[in-house]
Amino acid sequence: MQISTRNRVVILVDEYDKPMIDSLNKAKEVHEEIKETSHNFYQVIKSGDEHIKFVLLTGVSQFSGLSIFSGLNNLHDVQ
């Protein structure tokens, strides 16, 4: 069996903002750590760009102003 390397994956992230929303009422350090972890997670996704067809994120927060996505491009808000 031969595996094709031309096929790209689709990544689905449901409720991407839940950890950050849940940490709003916690210590500032906890909230900042969650933001940093989220940012690092999306940087890893970005580094695999050539293997990704698209990424779909769901959540209640509008992502355009969130610094966790600073390394990503081509973001489109679908409401």
N, C-alpha and C. Protein backbone atom coordinates (compact mmCIF):
# COMPACT_ATOMS: atom_id res chain seq x y z
N MET A 1 0.85 -1.18 0.00
CA MET A 1 0.00 0.00 0.00
C MET A 1 0.89 1.23 0.00
N GLN A 2 0.61 2.15 -0.91
CA GLN A 2 1.38 3.38 -1.00
C GLN A 2 0.56 4.53 -0.42
N ILE A 3 1.19 5.33 0.40
CA ILE A 3 0.51 6.48 1.00
C ILE A 3 0.86 7.71 0.20
N SER A 4 -0.15 8.43 -0.23
CA SER A 4 0.06 9.65 -1.00
C SER A 4 0.44 10.80 -0.07
N THR A 5 1.47 11.52 -0.42
CA THR A 5 1.86 12.68 0.38
C THR A 5 1.26 13.96 -0.18
N ARG A 6 0.48 13.84 -1.24
CA ARG A 6 -0.16 15.02 -1.83
C ARG A 6 -1.45 15.40 -1.14
N ASN A 7 -2.05 14.48 -0.40
CA ASN A 7 -3.28 14.79 0.31
C ASN A 7 -2.98 15.64 1.53
N ARG A 8 -3.76 16.68 1.72
CA ARG A 8 -3.57 17.55 2.87
C ARG A 8 -4.72 17.35 3.85
N VAL A 9 -4.46 17.61 5.11
CA VAL A 9 -5.45 17.37 6.15
C VAL A 9 -6.29 18.61 6.41
N VAL A 10 -7.45 18.37 7.01
CA VAL A 10 -8.33 19.43 7.51
C VAL A 10 -8.31 19.31 9.02
N ILE A 11 -8.12 20.44 9.70
CA ILE A 11 -8.09 20.46 11.17
C ILE A 11 -9.32 21.19 11.67
N LEU A 12 -10.07 20.53 12.56
CA LEU A 12 -11.26 21.11 13.16
C LEU A 12 -10.99 21.32 14.65
N VAL A 13 -11.16 22.55 15.12
CA VAL A 13 -10.98 22.87 16.54
C VAL A 13 -12.30 23.45 17.03
N ASP A 14 -13.00 22.70 17.86
CA ASP A 14 -14.29 23.14 18.40
C ASP A 14 -14.05 23.91 19.70
N GLU A 15 -14.70 25.05 19.82
CA GLU A 15 -14.62 25.90 21.02
C GLU A 15 -13.18 26.28 21.35
N TYR A 16 -12.48 26.82 20.36
CA TYR A 16 -11.08 27.20 20.54
C TYR A 16 -10.88 28.16 21.71
N ASP A 17 -11.89 28.95 22.03
CA ASP A 17 -11.77 29.99 23.05
C ASP A 17 -12.20 29.55 24.45
N LYS A 18 -12.68 28.34 24.61
CA LYS A 18 -13.19 27.88 25.91
C LYS A 18 -12.15 27.95 27.02
N PRO A 19 -10.91 27.48 26.82
CA PRO A 19 -9.92 27.58 27.91
C PRO A 19 -9.68 29.03 28.35
N MET A 20 -9.65 29.95 27.39
CA MET A 20 -9.41 31.35 27.75
C MET A 20 -10.61 31.96 28.47
N ILE A 21 -11.80 31.65 28.01
CA ILE A 21 -13.01 32.17 28.67
C ILE A 21 -13.10 31.62 30.09
N ASP A 22 -12.82 30.33 30.25
CA ASP A 22 -12.89 29.72 31.58
C ASP A 22 -11.85 30.30 32.54
N SER A 23 -10.77 30.84 32.00
CA SER A 23 -9.71 31.36 32.87
C SER A 23 -9.84 32.85 33.17
N LEU A 24 -10.86 33.50 32.64
CA LEU A 24 -11.01 34.95 32.86
C LEU A 24 -11.14 35.31 34.33
N ASN A 25 -11.80 34.48 35.12
CA ASN A 25 -12.01 34.78 36.54
C ASN A 25 -10.92 34.18 37.43
N LYS A 26 -9.89 33.65 36.83
CA LYS A 26 -8.78 33.07 37.61
C LYS A 26 -7.66 34.10 37.70
N ALA A 27 -6.60 33.75 38.39
CA ALA A 27 -5.46 34.65 38.53
C ALA A 27 -4.94 35.05 37.15
N LYS A 28 -4.46 36.28 37.04
CA LYS A 28 -3.97 36.78 35.76
C LYS A 28 -2.89 35.88 35.18
N GLU A 29 -2.04 35.32 36.05
CA GLU A 29 -0.96 34.45 35.59
C GLU A 29 -1.51 33.20 34.91
N VAL A 30 -2.60 32.65 35.45
CA VAL A 30 -3.23 31.46 34.87
C VAL A 30 -3.78 31.80 33.49
N HIS A 31 -4.47 32.92 33.40
CA HIS A 31 -5.05 33.34 32.12
C HIS A 31 -3.95 33.57 31.08
N GLU A 32 -2.87 34.23 31.47
CA GLU A 32 -1.76 34.49 30.55
C GLU A 32 -1.09 33.20 30.11
N GLU A 33 -0.97 32.23 31.00
CA GLU A 33 -0.38 30.94 30.65
C GLU A 33 -1.25 30.21 29.63
N ILE A 34 -2.55 30.27 29.80
CA ILE A 34 -3.46 29.63 28.85
C ILE A 34 -3.38 30.32 27.49
N LYS A 35 -3.31 31.64 27.48
CA LYS A 35 -3.16 32.36 26.22
C LYS A 35 -1.86 31.98 25.51
N GLU A 36 -0.78 31.88 26.27
CA GLU A 36 0.51 31.52 25.69
C GLU A 36 0.49 30.09 25.14
N THR A 37 -0.11 29.18 25.89
CA THR A 37 -0.22 27.79 25.43
C THR A 37 -1.04 27.72 24.14
N SER A 38 -2.14 28.46 24.09
CA SER A 38 -2.97 28.49 22.88
C SER A 38 -2.18 29.06 21.71
N HIS A 39 -1.46 30.14 21.95
CA HIS A 39 -0.64 30.75 20.90
C HIS A 39 0.38 29.73 20.37
N ASN A 40 1.05 29.04 21.26
CA ASN A 40 2.05 28.04 20.85
C ASN A 40 1.41 26.91 20.05
N PHE A 41 0.21 26.49 20.44
CA PHE A 41 -0.52 25.44 19.72
C PHE A 41 -0.78 25.87 18.27
N TYR A 42 -1.25 27.10 18.08
CA TYR A 42 -1.55 27.57 16.73
C TYR A 42 -0.29 27.83 15.91
N GLN A 43 0.82 28.14 16.56
CA GLN A 43 2.09 28.27 15.86
C GLN A 43 2.53 26.92 15.29
N VAL A 44 2.30 25.85 16.04
CA VAL A 44 2.63 24.50 15.54
C VAL A 44 1.77 24.17 14.33
N ILE A 45 0.50 24.51 14.39
CA ILE A 45 -0.37 24.29 13.23
C ILE A 45 0.16 25.06 12.03
N LYS A 46 0.52 26.31 12.24
CA LYS A 46 1.04 27.14 11.15
C LYS A 46 2.31 26.54 10.55
N SER A 47 3.14 25.94 11.36
CA SER A 47 4.40 25.38 10.85
C SER A 47 4.15 24.20 9.91
N GLY A 48 2.98 23.58 9.97
CA GLY A 48 2.64 22.48 9.08
C GLY A 48 1.78 22.91 7.92
N ASP A 49 1.82 24.19 7.59
CA ASP A 49 0.94 24.79 6.58
C ASP A 49 0.89 24.01 5.26
N GLU A 50 2.02 23.51 4.79
CA GLU A 50 2.04 22.83 3.49
C GLU A 50 1.28 21.50 3.51
N HIS A 51 0.97 20.99 4.71
CA HIS A 51 0.26 19.73 4.85
C HIS A 51 -1.22 19.92 5.19
N ILE A 52 -1.65 21.18 5.29
CA ILE A 52 -3.00 21.49 5.75
C ILE A 52 -3.82 22.10 4.63
N LYS A 53 -4.99 21.53 4.39
CA LYS A 53 -5.91 22.10 3.39
C LYS A 53 -6.60 23.33 3.97
N PHE A 54 -7.18 23.18 5.17
CA PHE A 54 -7.71 24.32 5.90
C PHE A 54 -7.94 23.95 7.34
N VAL A 55 -8.13 24.97 8.17
CA VAL A 55 -8.40 24.81 9.60
C VAL A 55 -9.72 25.50 9.88
N LEU A 56 -10.62 24.81 10.56
CA LEU A 56 -11.91 25.39 10.95
C LEU A 56 -11.94 25.48 12.46
N LEU A 57 -12.14 26.70 12.96
CA LEU A 57 -12.22 26.95 14.40
C LEU A 57 -13.63 27.40 14.73
N THR A 58 -14.20 26.85 15.79
CA THR A 58 -15.49 27.34 16.27
C THR A 58 -15.29 27.93 17.65
N GLY A 59 -16.10 28.92 17.97
CA GLY A 59 -16.04 29.55 19.27
C GLY A 59 -16.99 30.73 19.31
N VAL A 60 -17.08 31.35 20.46
CA VAL A 60 -17.99 32.49 20.61
C VAL A 60 -17.26 33.82 20.56
N SER A 61 -15.94 33.81 20.69
CA SER A 61 -15.15 35.04 20.65
C SER A 61 -14.72 35.34 19.22
N GLN A 62 -14.75 36.62 18.87
CA GLN A 62 -14.24 37.00 17.56
C GLN A 62 -12.72 36.97 17.61
N PHE A 63 -12.10 36.22 16.73
CA PHE A 63 -10.67 35.97 16.83
C PHE A 63 -9.79 37.06 16.27
N SER A 64 -10.34 38.03 15.55
CA SER A 64 -9.50 39.02 14.88
C SER A 64 -8.64 39.82 15.85
N GLY A 65 -9.10 40.02 17.07
CA GLY A 65 -8.34 40.81 18.01
C GLY A 65 -7.50 40.00 18.98
N LEU A 66 -7.48 38.69 18.85
CA LEU A 66 -6.75 37.85 19.79
C LEU A 66 -5.31 37.65 19.36
N SER A 67 -4.40 37.91 20.26
CA SER A 67 -2.97 37.79 19.95
C SER A 67 -2.53 36.34 19.76
N ILE A 68 -3.34 35.38 20.17
CA ILE A 68 -2.93 33.98 20.02
C ILE A 68 -2.82 33.58 18.55
N PHE A 69 -3.44 34.36 17.66
CA PHE A 69 -3.41 34.05 16.24
C PHE A 69 -2.44 34.94 15.47
N SER A 70 -1.54 35.61 16.16
CA SER A 70 -0.66 36.58 15.50
C SER A 70 0.19 35.96 14.39
N GLY A 71 0.48 34.69 14.47
CA GLY A 71 1.30 34.05 13.44
C GLY A 71 0.51 33.49 12.28
N LEU A 72 -0.80 33.46 12.39
CA LEU A 72 -1.63 32.88 11.34
C LEU A 72 -2.01 33.95 10.33
N ASN A 73 -2.27 33.52 9.11
CA ASN A 73 -2.74 34.45 8.09
C ASN A 73 -3.98 33.87 7.43
N ASN A 74 -4.62 34.67 6.61
CA ASN A 74 -5.81 34.24 5.88
C ASN A 74 -6.94 33.80 6.79
N LEU A 75 -7.16 34.53 7.88
CA LEU A 75 -8.28 34.21 8.76
C LEU A 75 -9.54 34.86 8.23
N HIS A 76 -10.63 34.11 8.22
CA HIS A 76 -11.91 34.63 7.76
C HIS A 76 -12.96 34.32 8.82
N ASP A 77 -13.67 35.36 9.25
CA ASP A 77 -14.72 35.21 10.25
C ASP A 77 -16.03 34.88 9.54
N VAL A 78 -16.58 33.70 9.81
CA VAL A 78 -17.84 33.28 9.23
C VAL A 78 -18.88 33.31 10.34
N GLN A 79 -19.88 34.15 10.19
CA GLN A 79 -20.88 34.27 11.25
C GLN A 79 -22.17 33.63 10.87
